[in-house]
Amino acid sequence: WKAIARRTAYHGTTMGALSINGIAPLRNPFEPLVPDVLHVRNTNRYHRPPEETEAEFTAFLLEDLESTILAAGAETVAMVIMEPVQNSGGSFTPPAGYFQGVRELCDRYGILLCADEVITGFGRTGNWFASETYDIQPDLITSAKGLSSAYAAIGAVIARDHVIEPFLEGRSAFMHGITFGGHPVMAAIALKNIEIMKRERVVEHVAETQGRFRETLAQLLDLPLVGDLRGTGFFYALELVKDKETRETFSGEESETLVRGFLSGELFARGLICRADDRGDPVVQISPPLVAGQGEFDELTGILGDVLAEAGRRVGLA
């Protein structure tokens, strides 16, 4: 059986998850891994032809997915796994109609669709799950981080009835186990976390304030180093470029100097915990606490503005 994931996507570093990763430098040191994992284009539109419409981009992506399914042999593909908003590479949101097309292709060829919501789940996009935000209708959802608000080490897989029924009826089983799987204390923490989030309307808060968050971050587009702002909810990325007009990116060596040589340490020193990342083109990822408000939006944008302005000067941008 085969799986299909997207390029530059990150899904974890255990052997199975590492095989699905679309980041070659993470996979290569551990190969050979689980065979027959294929990778298709992600939804990064920033470097696509400027005359291409959103509908044309969606069709282009779906054609790439279908051709990959057919080349692999549709009857051999078990699963397509995708993040609703791809983290690695910088908060790639889907174009209109994309996930409806992915769902249709999976149904046509009898393939399970898994939404990796380890990052986007539990409020990050203004809904409990980003699958709601984009009407994805997955067969499986993986979740973790927000399940306990990171207070406890717990992850979970959510499955639709037709996937879980054979296991409930005793006709199927996975013959493996995890020492701390189903840990009652971790489960209790997760349940209490969800209870508090509901009581304090945390997810509703994200939905109500996400527009102001984006508007505040959008001020950074005036900086010569910042080429793109993309994302949704409380999950955004700023792509850094050498030339805003041509959208020229940095070389690997330049990115190393910019991201690790300056941005990561300087942002932390200024009191801002965020990720300067070059697993794809260089970006700064911003994911504030789900209870953040305008005061925090202003503070983090101010720090980003100062540090990115200095970074621009260091690479020769006015």
C-alpha atoms as a PDB file:
ATOM      1  CA  TRP A   1       0.000   0.000   0.000  1.00  0.00           C
ATOM      2  CA  LYS A   2       1.101   3.545  -0.786  1.00  0.00           C
ATOM      3  CA  ALA A   3       0.547   6.963   0.744  1.00  0.00           C
ATOM      4  CA  ILE A   4       0.557  10.407  -0.845  1.00  0.00           C
ATOM      5  CA  ALA A   5       1.670  13.555   0.986  1.00  0.00           C
ATOM      6  CA  ARG A   6       2.748  17.027  -0.121  1.00  0.00           C
ATOM      7  CA  ARG A   7       6.151  18.500  -0.798  1.00  0.00           C
ATOM      8  CA  THR A   8       7.864  20.340   2.055  1.00  0.00           C
ATOM      9  CA  ALA A   9       5.194  19.064   4.475  1.00  0.00           C
ATOM     10  CA  TYR A  10       6.170  17.948   7.971  1.00  0.00           C
ATOM     11  CA  HIS A  11       4.271  15.128   9.682  1.00  0.00           C
ATOM     12  CA  GLY A  12       6.646  13.948  12.428  1.00  0.00           C
ATOM     13  CA  THR A  13       9.920  12.051  12.866  1.00  0.00           C
ATOM     14  CA  THR A  14       9.010   8.519  13.895  1.00  0.00           C
ATOM     15  CA  MET A  15       9.790   6.048  11.117  1.00  0.00           C
ATOM     16  CA  GLY A  16       6.339   6.008   9.565  1.00  0.00           C
ATOM     17  CA  ALA A  17       5.733   9.734   9.905  1.00  0.00           C
ATOM     18  CA  LEU A  18       9.248  10.532   8.695  1.00  0.00           C
ATOM     19  CA  SER A  19       8.556   8.531   5.544  1.00  0.00           C
ATOM     20  CA  ILE A  20       5.550  10.730   4.814  1.00  0.00           C
ATOM     21  CA  ASN A  21       7.477  13.968   5.365  1.00  0.00           C
ATOM     22  CA  GLY A  22       8.007  16.033   2.251  1.00  0.00           C
ATOM     23  CA  ILE A  23      11.323  17.407   3.555  1.00  0.00           C
ATOM     24  CA  ALA A  24      14.195  15.431   2.039  1.00  0.00           C
ATOM     25  CA  PRO A  25      16.960  16.616   4.427  1.00  0.00           C
ATOM     26  CA  LEU A  26      14.992  15.163   7.346  1.00  0.00           C
ATOM     27  CA  ARG A  27      14.362  11.846   5.593  1.00  0.00           C
ATOM     28  CA  ASN A  28      17.739  11.225   3.984  1.00  0.00           C
ATOM     29  CA  PRO A  29      19.821  10.381   7.098  1.00  0.00           C
ATOM     30  CA  PHE A  30      17.381   7.627   8.062  1.00  0.00           C
ATOM     31  CA  GLU A  31      16.696   5.970   4.714  1.00  0.00           C
ATOM     32  CA  PRO A  32      15.587   3.403   3.720  1.00  0.00           C
ATOM     33  CA  LEU A  33      12.275   4.199   5.334  1.00  0.00           C
ATOM     34  CA  VAL A  34       8.745   2.957   4.662  1.00  0.00           C
ATOM     35  CA  PRO A  35       8.599   2.515   0.876  1.00  0.00           C
ATOM     36  CA  ASP A  36       6.098   3.866  -1.620  1.00  0.00           C
ATOM     37  CA  VAL A  37       5.341   7.310  -0.247  1.00  0.00           C
ATOM     38  CA  LEU A  38       4.721   9.809  -3.049  1.00  0.00           C
ATOM     39  CA  HIS A  39       4.740  13.594  -2.822  1.00  0.00           C
ATOM     40  CA  VAL A  40       2.633  16.090  -4.765  1.00  0.00           C
ATOM     41  CA  ARG A  41       2.668  19.876  -5.028  1.00  0.00           C
ATOM     42  CA  ASN A  42       1.614  21.932  -2.033  1.00  0.00           C
ATOM     43  CA  THR A  43      -0.622  25.001  -2.104  1.00  0.00           C
ATOM     44  CA  ASN A  44       2.090  27.693  -2.099  1.00  0.00           C
ATOM     45  CA  ARG A  45       0.747  30.237  -4.579  1.00  0.00           C
ATOM     46  CA  TYR A  46       3.240  33.039  -3.957  1.00  0.00           C
ATOM     47  CA  HIS A  47       5.702  31.873  -6.619  1.00  0.00           C
ATOM     48  CA  ARG A  48       3.109  30.874  -9.219  1.00  0.00           C
ATOM     49  CA  PRO A  49       2.641  32.933 -12.426  1.00  0.00           C
ATOM     50  CA  PRO A  50       0.921  36.217 -11.480  1.00  0.00           C
ATOM     51  CA  GLU A  51      -1.632  35.874 -14.288  1.00  0.00           C
ATOM     52  CA  GLU A  52      -2.821  32.476 -13.022  1.00  0.00           C
ATOM     53  CA  THR A  53      -6.306  32.626 -11.467  1.00  0.00           C
ATOM     54  CA  GLU A  54      -7.226  30.869  -8.246  1.00  0.00           C
ATOM     55  CA  ALA A  55      -9.442  28.441 -10.169  1.00  0.00           C
ATOM     56  CA  GLU A  56      -6.582  27.630 -12.546  1.00  0.00           C
ATOM     57  CA  PHE A  57      -4.246  27.032  -9.607  1.00  0.00           C
ATOM     58  CA  THR A  58      -6.765  24.675  -8.000  1.00  0.00           C
ATOM     59  CA  ALA A  59      -7.161  22.741 -11.259  1.00  0.00           C
ATOM     60  CA  PHE A  60      -3.369  22.541 -11.632  1.00  0.00           C
ATOM     61  CA  LEU A  61      -2.979  21.066  -8.141  1.00  0.00           C
ATOM     62  CA  LEU A  62      -5.794  18.552  -8.564  1.00  0.00           C
ATOM     63  CA  GLU A  63      -4.419  17.422 -11.923  1.00  0.00           C
ATOM     64  CA  ASP A  64      -1.054  16.836 -10.247  1.00  0.00           C
ATOM     65  CA  LEU A  65      -2.687  14.764  -7.500  1.00  0.00           C
ATOM     66  CA  GLU A  66      -4.780  12.685  -9.894  1.00  0.00           C
ATOM     67  CA  SER A  67      -1.861  11.978 -12.218  1.00  0.00           C
ATOM     68  CA  THR A  68       0.192  10.838  -9.213  1.00  0.00           C
ATOM     69  CA  ILE A  69      -2.605   8.524  -8.070  1.00  0.00           C
ATOM     70  CA  LEU A  70      -2.934   7.004 -11.531  1.00  0.00           C
ATOM     71  CA  ALA A  71       0.821   6.630 -12.017  1.00  0.00           C
ATOM     72  CA  ALA A  72       1.086   4.838  -8.676  1.00  0.00           C
ATOM     73  CA  GLY A  73      -1.883   2.595  -9.450  1.00  0.00           C
ATOM     74  CA  ALA A  74      -5.018   3.868  -7.756  1.00  0.00           C
ATOM     75  CA  GLU A  75      -5.812   0.455  -6.289  1.00  0.00           C
ATOM     76  CA  THR A  76      -2.492   0.531  -4.380  1.00  0.00           C
ATOM     77  CA  VAL A  77      -2.937   3.959  -2.734  1.00  0.00           C
ATOM     78  CA  ALA A  78      -4.293   3.679   0.802  1.00  0.00           C
ATOM     79  CA  MET A  79      -4.183   7.269   1.989  1.00  0.00           C
ATOM     80  CA  VAL A  80      -3.710  10.899   1.066  1.00  0.00           C
ATOM     81  CA  ILE A  81      -2.477  12.941   4.050  1.00  0.00           C
ATOM     82  CA  MET A  82      -2.481  16.746   4.099  1.00  0.00           C
ATOM     83  CA  GLU A  83      -2.514  19.564   6.636  1.00  0.00           C
ATOM     84  CA  PRO A  84      -5.475  21.911   6.046  1.00  0.00           C
ATOM     85  CA  VAL A  85      -2.966  24.768   6.349  1.00  0.00           C
ATOM     86  CA  GLN A  86       0.537  23.471   5.668  1.00  0.00           C
ATOM     87  CA  ASN A  87       2.949  24.573   8.368  1.00  0.00           C
ATOM     88  CA  SER A  88       6.351  23.777   6.870  1.00  0.00           C
ATOM     89  CA  GLY A  89       7.140  26.313   4.171  1.00  0.00           C
ATOM     90  CA  GLY A  90       4.982  28.932   5.831  1.00  0.00           C
ATOM     91  CA  SER A  91       1.225  28.621   6.443  1.00  0.00           C
ATOM     92  CA  PHE A  92       0.058  27.563   2.979  1.00  0.00           C
ATOM     93  CA  THR A  93      -3.719  27.983   2.874  1.00  0.00           C
ATOM     94  CA  PRO A  94      -5.711  26.065   0.235  1.00  0.00           C
ATOM     95  CA  PRO A  95      -7.217  27.796  -2.806  1.00  0.00           C
ATOM     96  CA  ALA A  96     -10.994  27.737  -3.186  1.00  0.00           C
ATOM     97  CA  GLY A  97     -12.345  24.319  -4.129  1.00  0.00           C
ATOM     98  CA  TYR A  98      -9.071  22.517  -3.494  1.00  0.00           C
ATOM     99  CA  PHE A  99     -10.080  20.217  -0.662  1.00  0.00           C
ATOM    100  CA  GLN A 100     -13.464  19.533  -2.226  1.00  0.00           C
ATOM    101  CA  GLY A 101     -11.542  18.338  -5.289  1.00  0.00           C
ATOM    102  CA  VAL A 102      -9.180  16.252  -3.161  1.00  0.00           C
ATOM    103  CA  ARG A 103     -12.177  14.663  -1.426  1.00  0.00           C
ATOM    104  CA  GLU A 104     -13.793  13.876  -4.779  1.00  0.00           C
ATOM    105  CA  LEU A 105     -10.608  12.231  -6.089  1.00  0.00           C
ATOM    106  CA  CYS A 106     -10.239  10.148  -2.931  1.00  0.00           C
ATOM    107  CA  ASP A 107     -13.856   9.001  -3.209  1.00  0.00           C
ATOM    108  CA  ARG A 108     -13.468   8.233  -6.912  1.00  0.00           C
ATOM    109  CA  TYR A 109     -10.445   6.004  -6.362  1.00  0.00           C
ATOM    110  CA  GLY A 110     -11.349   4.512  -2.969  1.00  0.00           C
ATOM    111  CA  ILE A 111      -8.615   6.277  -0.976  1.00  0.00           C
ATOM    112  CA  LEU A 112      -8.765   7.474   2.635  1.00  0.00           C
ATOM    113  CA  LEU A 113      -8.219  11.196   3.230  1.00  0.00           C
ATOM    114  CA  CYS A 114      -6.338  12.081   6.418  1.00  0.00           C
ATOM    115  CA  ALA A 115      -6.214  15.658   7.698  1.00  0.00           C
ATOM    116  CA  ASP A 116      -3.113  16.245   9.814  1.00  0.00           C
ATOM    117  CA  GLU A 117      -4.456  18.692  12.396  1.00  0.00           C
ATOM    118  CA  VAL A 118      -1.652  18.378  14.935  1.00  0.00           C
ATOM    119  CA  ILE A 119      -1.101  22.124  14.512  1.00  0.00           C
ATOM    120  CA  THR A 120      -4.409  23.422  13.151  1.00  0.00           C
ATOM    121  CA  GLY A 121      -6.712  21.471  15.482  1.00  0.00           C
ATOM    122  CA  PHE A 122      -8.383  22.848  18.620  1.00  0.00           C
ATOM    123  CA  GLY A 123      -8.962  26.440  17.674  1.00  0.00           C
ATOM    124  CA  ARG A 124      -5.912  27.615  15.753  1.00  0.00           C
ATOM    125  CA  THR A 125      -7.946  28.641  12.672  1.00  0.00           C
ATOM    126  CA  GLY A 126     -11.037  29.938  14.478  1.00  0.00           C
ATOM    127  CA  ASN A 127     -12.867  26.602  14.442  1.00  0.00           C
ATOM    128  CA  TRP A 128     -12.274  23.543  16.586  1.00  0.00           C
ATOM    129  CA  PHE A 129     -10.750  21.939  13.510  1.00  0.00           C
ATOM    130  CA  ALA A 130      -9.471  23.493  10.299  1.00  0.00           C
ATOM    131  CA  SER A 131     -11.362  20.732   8.503  1.00  0.00           C
ATOM    132  CA  GLU A 132     -14.453  22.759   9.449  1.00  0.00           C
ATOM    133  CA  THR A 133     -12.846  25.979   8.225  1.00  0.00           C
ATOM    134  CA  TYR A 134     -12.255  24.485   4.770  1.00  0.00           C
ATOM    135  CA  ASP A 135     -15.105  21.913   4.665  1.00  0.00           C
ATOM    136  CA  ILE A 136     -12.677  19.049   4.107  1.00  0.00           C
ATOM    137  CA  GLN A 137     -14.713  16.015   5.285  1.00  0.00           C
ATOM    138  CA  PRO A 138     -11.687  13.786   6.072  1.00  0.00           C
ATOM    139  CA  ASP A 139     -11.840  10.095   6.950  1.00  0.00           C
ATOM    140  CA  LEU A 140      -9.118  10.510   9.582  1.00  0.00           C
ATOM    141  CA  ILE A 141      -7.834  13.419  11.655  1.00  0.00           C
ATOM    142  CA  THR A 142      -4.560  13.360  13.563  1.00  0.00           C
ATOM    143  CA  SER A 143      -4.362  15.716  16.526  1.00  0.00           C
ATOM    144  CA  ALA A 144      -2.006  16.527  19.389  1.00  0.00           C
ATOM    145  CA  LYS A 145      -0.621  19.928  20.459  1.00  0.00           C
ATOM    146  CA  GLY A 146      -3.839  21.849  21.092  1.00  0.00           C
ATOM    147  CA  LEU A 147      -5.568  18.774  22.504  1.00  0.00           C
ATOM    148  CA  SER A 148      -3.928  19.579  25.844  1.00  0.00           C
ATOM    149  CA  SER A 149      -2.811  23.158  25.067  1.00  0.00           C
ATOM    150  CA  ALA A 150       0.688  21.596  25.259  1.00  0.00           C
ATOM    151  CA  TYR A 151       0.353  20.971  29.011  1.00  0.00           C
ATOM    152  CA  ALA A 152       0.565  17.205  28.506  1.00  0.00           C
ATOM    153  CA  ALA A 153       2.064  14.816  25.979  1.00  0.00           C
ATOM    154  CA  ILE A 154      -0.960  13.391  24.198  1.00  0.00           C
ATOM    155  CA  GLY A 155      -2.064  12.753  20.650  1.00  0.00           C
ATOM    156  CA  ALA A 156      -5.172  11.204  19.152  1.00  0.00           C
ATOM    157  CA  VAL A 157      -6.534   9.908  15.876  1.00  0.00           C
ATOM    158  CA  ILE A 158     -10.163  10.687  15.076  1.00  0.00           C
ATOM    159  CA  ALA A 159     -11.857   8.369  12.589  1.00  0.00           C
ATOM    160  CA  ARG A 160     -15.175   8.297  10.764  1.00  0.00           C
ATOM    161  CA  ASP A 161     -17.527   5.406  11.474  1.00  0.00           C
ATOM    162  CA  HIS A 162     -16.698   3.422   8.339  1.00  0.00           C
ATOM    163  CA  VAL A 163     -12.995   3.441   9.266  1.00  0.00           C
ATOM    164  CA  ILE A 164     -13.351   2.446  12.924  1.00  0.00           C
ATOM    165  CA  GLU A 165     -16.215  -0.066  12.643  1.00  0.00           C
ATOM    166  CA  PRO A 166     -14.049  -3.098  11.714  1.00  0.00           C
ATOM    167  CA  PHE A 167     -11.974  -2.531  14.862  1.00  0.00           C
ATOM    168  CA  LEU A 168     -14.992  -2.082  17.114  1.00  0.00           C
ATOM    169  CA  GLU A 169     -16.520  -5.278  15.743  1.00  0.00           C
ATOM    170  CA  GLY A 170     -13.350  -7.242  16.450  1.00  0.00           C
ATOM    171  CA  ARG A 171     -12.666  -8.091  12.820  1.00  0.00           C
ATOM    172  CA  SER A 172      -9.448  -6.060  12.622  1.00  0.00           C
ATOM    173  CA  ALA A 173      -6.606  -5.050  14.911  1.00  0.00           C
ATOM    174  CA  PHE A 174      -3.280  -3.269  14.801  1.00  0.00           C
ATOM    175  CA  MET A 175      -0.797  -5.603  16.488  1.00  0.00           C
ATOM    176  CA  HIS A 176       1.376  -2.992  18.136  1.00  0.00           C
ATOM    177  CA  GLY A 177       1.296  -0.903  21.269  1.00  0.00           C
ATOM    178  CA  ILE A 178       2.805   2.133  22.931  1.00  0.00           C
ATOM    179  CA  THR A 179       3.999   2.056  26.546  1.00  0.00           C
ATOM    180  CA  PHE A 180       2.095   5.192  27.494  1.00  0.00           C
ATOM    181  CA  GLY A 181      -0.771   4.852  25.010  1.00  0.00           C
ATOM    182  CA  GLY A 182      -4.185   5.641  26.459  1.00  0.00           C
ATOM    183  CA  HIS A 183      -2.574   7.159  29.560  1.00  0.00           C
ATOM    184  CA  PRO A 184      -5.441   8.093  31.914  1.00  0.00           C
ATOM    185  CA  VAL A 185      -3.732  11.159  33.403  1.00  0.00           C
ATOM    186  CA  MET A 186      -2.939  12.615  29.983  1.00  0.00           C
ATOM    187  CA  ALA A 187      -6.503  11.911  28.848  1.00  0.00           C
ATOM    188  CA  ALA A 188      -7.880  13.642  31.948  1.00  0.00           C
ATOM    189  CA  ILE A 189      -5.741  16.717  31.247  1.00  0.00           C
ATOM    190  CA  ALA A 190      -6.970  16.823  27.645  1.00  0.00           C
ATOM    191  CA  LEU A 191     -10.602  16.577  28.727  1.00  0.00           C
ATOM    192  CA  LYS A 192     -10.156  19.360  31.277  1.00  0.00           C
ATOM    193  CA  ASN A 193      -8.411  21.499  28.648  1.00  0.00           C
ATOM    194  CA  ILE A 194     -11.345  21.105  26.258  1.00  0.00           C
ATOM    195  CA  GLU A 195     -13.774  21.893  29.074  1.00  0.00           C
ATOM    196  CA  ILE A 196     -11.917  25.134  29.890  1.00  0.00           C
ATOM    197  CA  MET A 197     -11.661  26.130  26.225  1.00  0.00           C
ATOM    198  CA  LYS A 198     -15.422  25.735  25.856  1.00  0.00           C
ATOM    199  CA  ARG A 199     -16.202  27.586  29.083  1.00  0.00           C
ATOM    200  CA  GLU A 200     -13.920  30.516  28.242  1.00  0.00           C
ATOM    201  CA  ARG A 201     -14.963  30.613  24.567  1.00  0.00           C
ATOM    202  CA  VAL A 202     -11.367  30.365  23.390  1.00  0.00           C
ATOM    203  CA  VAL A 203     -12.209  29.182  19.870  1.00  0.00           C
ATOM    204  CA  GLU A 204     -14.865  31.872  19.485  1.00  0.00           C
ATOM    205  CA  HIS A 205     -12.282  34.453  20.586  1.00  0.00           C
ATOM    206  CA  VAL A 206      -9.969  33.422  17.750  1.00  0.00           C
ATOM    207  CA  ALA A 207     -12.827  33.626  15.248  1.00  0.00           C
ATOM    208  CA  GLU A 208     -13.828  37.080  16.506  1.00  0.00           C
ATOM    209  CA  THR A 209     -10.329  38.619  16.595  1.00  0.00           C
ATOM    210  CA  GLN A 210      -8.524  36.929  13.694  1.00  0.00           C
ATOM    211  CA  GLY A 211      -9.329  39.809  11.347  1.00  0.00           C
ATOM    212  CA  ARG A 212      -7.669  42.333  13.656  1.00  0.00           C
ATOM    213  CA  PHE A 213      -4.659  40.048  14.003  1.00  0.00           C
ATOM    214  CA  ARG A 214      -4.188  39.918  10.249  1.00  0.00           C
ATOM    215  CA  GLU A 215      -4.680  43.679   9.888  1.00  0.00           C
ATOM    216  CA  THR A 216      -1.994  44.288  12.511  1.00  0.00           C
ATOM    217  CA  LEU A 217       0.480  41.898  10.889  1.00  0.00           C
ATOM    218  CA  ALA A 218      -0.221  43.422   7.464  1.00  0.00           C
ATOM    219  CA  GLN A 219       1.671  46.551   8.535  1.00  0.00           C
ATOM    220  CA  LEU A 220       4.852  44.495   8.125  1.00  0.00           C
ATOM    221  CA  LEU A 221       4.270  44.231   4.369  1.00  0.00           C
ATOM    222  CA  ASP A 222       5.696  47.751   4.118  1.00  0.00           C
ATOM    223  CA  LEU A 223       9.147  46.393   5.014  1.00  0.00           C
ATOM    224  CA  PRO A 224      11.439  45.726   2.013  1.00  0.00           C
ATOM    225  CA  LEU A 225      12.314  42.260   3.353  1.00  0.00           C
ATOM    226  CA  VAL A 226       8.698  41.042   3.653  1.00  0.00           C
ATOM    227  CA  GLY A 227       7.210  39.697   0.434  1.00  0.00           C
ATOM    228  CA  ASP A 228       4.090  37.858   1.540  1.00  0.00           C
ATOM    229  CA  LEU A 229       1.730  37.474   4.491  1.00  0.00           C
ATOM    230  CA  ARG A 230      -0.368  34.321   4.450  1.00  0.00           C
ATOM    231  CA  GLY A 231      -2.360  32.186   6.834  1.00  0.00           C
ATOM    232  CA  THR A 232      -5.625  32.237   8.735  1.00  0.00           C
ATOM    233  CA  GLY A 233      -6.906  32.421  12.302  1.00  0.00           C
ATOM    234  CA  PHE A 234      -3.952  32.730  14.665  1.00  0.00           C
ATOM    235  CA  PHE A 235      -1.578  30.949  12.265  1.00  0.00           C
ATOM    236  CA  TYR A 236       0.440  33.150   9.903  1.00  0.00           C
ATOM    237  CA  ALA A 237       3.754  33.347   8.086  1.00  0.00           C
ATOM    238  CA  LEU A 238       5.774  36.185   6.602  1.00  0.00           C
ATOM    239  CA  GLU A 239       7.863  35.168   3.584  1.00  0.00           C
ATOM    240  CA  LEU A 240      11.203  36.958   3.315  1.00  0.00           C
ATOM    241  CA  VAL A 241      12.532  37.931  -0.117  1.00  0.00           C
ATOM    242  CA  LYS A 242      15.508  39.676  -1.712  1.00  0.00           C
ATOM    243  CA  ASP A 243      13.313  41.514  -4.216  1.00  0.00           C
ATOM    244  CA  LYS A 244       9.613  42.186  -3.647  1.00  0.00           C
ATOM    245  CA  GLU A 245       8.926  43.004  -7.290  1.00  0.00           C
ATOM    246  CA  THR A 246      10.395  39.779  -8.711  1.00  0.00           C
ATOM    247  CA  ARG A 247       9.745  37.724  -5.542  1.00  0.00           C
ATOM    248  CA  GLU A 248      13.337  36.506  -5.683  1.00  0.00           C
ATOM    249  CA  THR A 249      14.195  34.336  -2.683  1.00  0.00           C
ATOM    250  CA  PHE A 250      17.484  33.894  -0.858  1.00  0.00           C
ATOM    251  CA  SER A 251      20.108  31.258  -1.621  1.00  0.00           C
ATOM    252  CA  GLY A 252      20.664  28.467   0.884  1.00  0.00           C
ATOM    253  CA  GLU A 253      23.751  30.160   2.290  1.00  0.00           C
ATOM    254  CA  GLU A 254      22.017  33.537   2.513  1.00  0.00           C
ATOM    255  CA  SER A 255      19.006  31.961   4.190  1.00  0.00           C
ATOM    256  CA  GLU A 256      21.240  30.211   6.718  1.00  0.00           C
ATOM    257  CA  THR A 257      22.878  33.515   7.622  1.00  0.00           C
ATOM    258  CA  LEU A 258      19.559  35.360   7.800  1.00  0.00           C
ATOM    259  CA  VAL A 259      17.489  32.766   9.651  1.00  0.00           C
ATOM    260  CA  ARG A 260      19.954  31.079  12.005  1.00  0.00           C
ATOM    261  CA  GLY A 261      22.659  33.690  12.043  1.00  0.00           C
ATOM    262  CA  PHE A 262      20.392  36.564  13.053  1.00  0.00           C
ATOM    263  CA  LEU A 263      16.608  36.235  13.151  1.00  0.00           C
ATOM    264  CA  SER A 264      16.131  33.241  15.456  1.00  0.00           C
ATOM    265  CA  GLY A 265      18.390  34.546  18.203  1.00  0.00           C
ATOM    266  CA  GLU A 266      17.434  38.197  17.889  1.00  0.00           C
ATOM    267  CA  LEU A 267      13.682  37.592  18.019  1.00  0.00           C
ATOM    268  CA  PHE A 268      14.109  35.455  21.130  1.00  0.00           C
ATOM    269  CA  ALA A 269      16.382  38.053  22.736  1.00  0.00           C
ATOM    270  CA  ARG A 270      13.688  40.700  22.129  1.00  0.00           C
ATOM    271  CA  GLY A 271      11.149  38.524  23.949  1.00  0.00           C
ATOM    272  CA  LEU A 272       9.268  36.992  21.005  1.00  0.00           C
ATOM    273  CA  ILE A 273       8.971  33.229  20.678  1.00  0.00           C
ATOM    274  CA  CYS A 274       8.260  32.436  17.043  1.00  0.00           C
ATOM    275  CA  ARG A 275       9.901  30.392  14.312  1.00  0.00           C
ATOM    276  CA  ALA A 276      12.258  31.678  11.653  1.00  0.00           C
ATOM    277  CA  ASP A 277      12.201  28.730   9.276  1.00  0.00           C
ATOM    278  CA  ASP A 278      13.852  27.791   5.992  1.00  0.00           C
ATOM    279  CA  ARG A 279      12.554  24.284   5.384  1.00  0.00           C
ATOM    280  CA  GLY A 280      11.129  25.874   2.253  1.00  0.00           C
ATOM    281  CA  ASP A 281      11.756  29.481   1.282  1.00  0.00           C
ATOM    282  CA  PRO A 282      12.651  31.541   4.383  1.00  0.00           C
ATOM    283  CA  VAL A 283       9.696  32.595   6.506  1.00  0.00           C
ATOM    284  CA  VAL A 284       8.874  33.796   9.985  1.00  0.00           C
ATOM    285  CA  GLN A 285       5.918  31.887  11.434  1.00  0.00           C
ATOM    286  CA  ILE A 286       3.651  33.566  13.969  1.00  0.00           C
ATOM    287  CA  SER A 287       1.219  31.546  16.098  1.00  0.00           C
ATOM    288  CA  PRO A 288       0.255  33.495  19.239  1.00  0.00           C
ATOM    289  CA  PRO A 289      -1.590  31.988  22.206  1.00  0.00           C
ATOM    290  CA  LEU A 290      -5.271  31.556  21.435  1.00  0.00           C
ATOM    291  CA  VAL A 291      -6.158  34.007  24.223  1.00  0.00           C
ATOM    292  CA  ALA A 292      -4.031  36.828  22.746  1.00  0.00           C
ATOM    293  CA  GLY A 293      -5.670  40.191  22.106  1.00  0.00           C
ATOM    294  CA  GLN A 294      -4.844  43.511  20.499  1.00  0.00           C
ATOM    295  CA  GLY A 295      -2.181  44.338  23.074  1.00  0.00           C
ATOM    296  CA  GLU A 296      -0.256  41.191  22.217  1.00  0.00           C
ATOM    297  CA  PHE A 297      -0.833  41.713  18.482  1.00  0.00           C
ATOM    298  CA  ASP A 298       0.686  45.193  18.717  1.00  0.00           C
ATOM    299  CA  GLU A 299       3.613  44.051  20.844  1.00  0.00           C
ATOM    300  CA  LEU A 300       4.625  41.106  18.665  1.00  0.00           C
ATOM    301  CA  THR A 301       4.205  43.147  15.476  1.00  0.00           C
ATOM    302  CA  GLY A 302       6.383  45.881  16.938  1.00  0.00           C
ATOM    303  CA  ILE A 303       9.152  43.417  17.778  1.00  0.00           C
ATOM    304  CA  LEU A 304       8.900  41.787  14.358  1.00  0.00           C
ATOM    305  CA  GLY A 305       9.000  45.162  12.649  1.00  0.00           C
ATOM    306  CA  ASP A 306      12.159  46.270  14.453  1.00  0.00           C
ATOM    307  CA  VAL A 307      13.996  42.974  13.958  1.00  0.00           C
ATOM    308  CA  LEU A 308      12.974  42.523  10.309  1.00  0.00           C
ATOM    309  CA  ALA A 309      13.962  46.106   9.504  1.00  0.00           C
ATOM    310  CA  GLU A 310      17.414  45.430  10.950  1.00  0.00           C
ATOM    311  CA  ALA A 311      17.584  42.103   9.084  1.00  0.00           C
ATOM    312  CA  GLY A 312      16.772  43.920   5.850  1.00  0.00           C
ATOM    313  CA  ARG A 313      19.606  46.363   6.405  1.00  0.00           C
ATOM    314  CA  ARG A 314      21.984  43.486   7.076  1.00  0.00           C
ATOM    315  CA  VAL A 315      21.223  41.934   3.679  1.00  0.00           C
ATOM    316  CA  GLY A 316      21.499  45.233   1.845  1.00  0.00           C
ATOM    317  CA  LEU A 317      17.827  46.217   1.577  1.00  0.00           C
ATOM    318  CA  ALA A 318      16.919  49.844   2.243  1.00  0.00           C
END
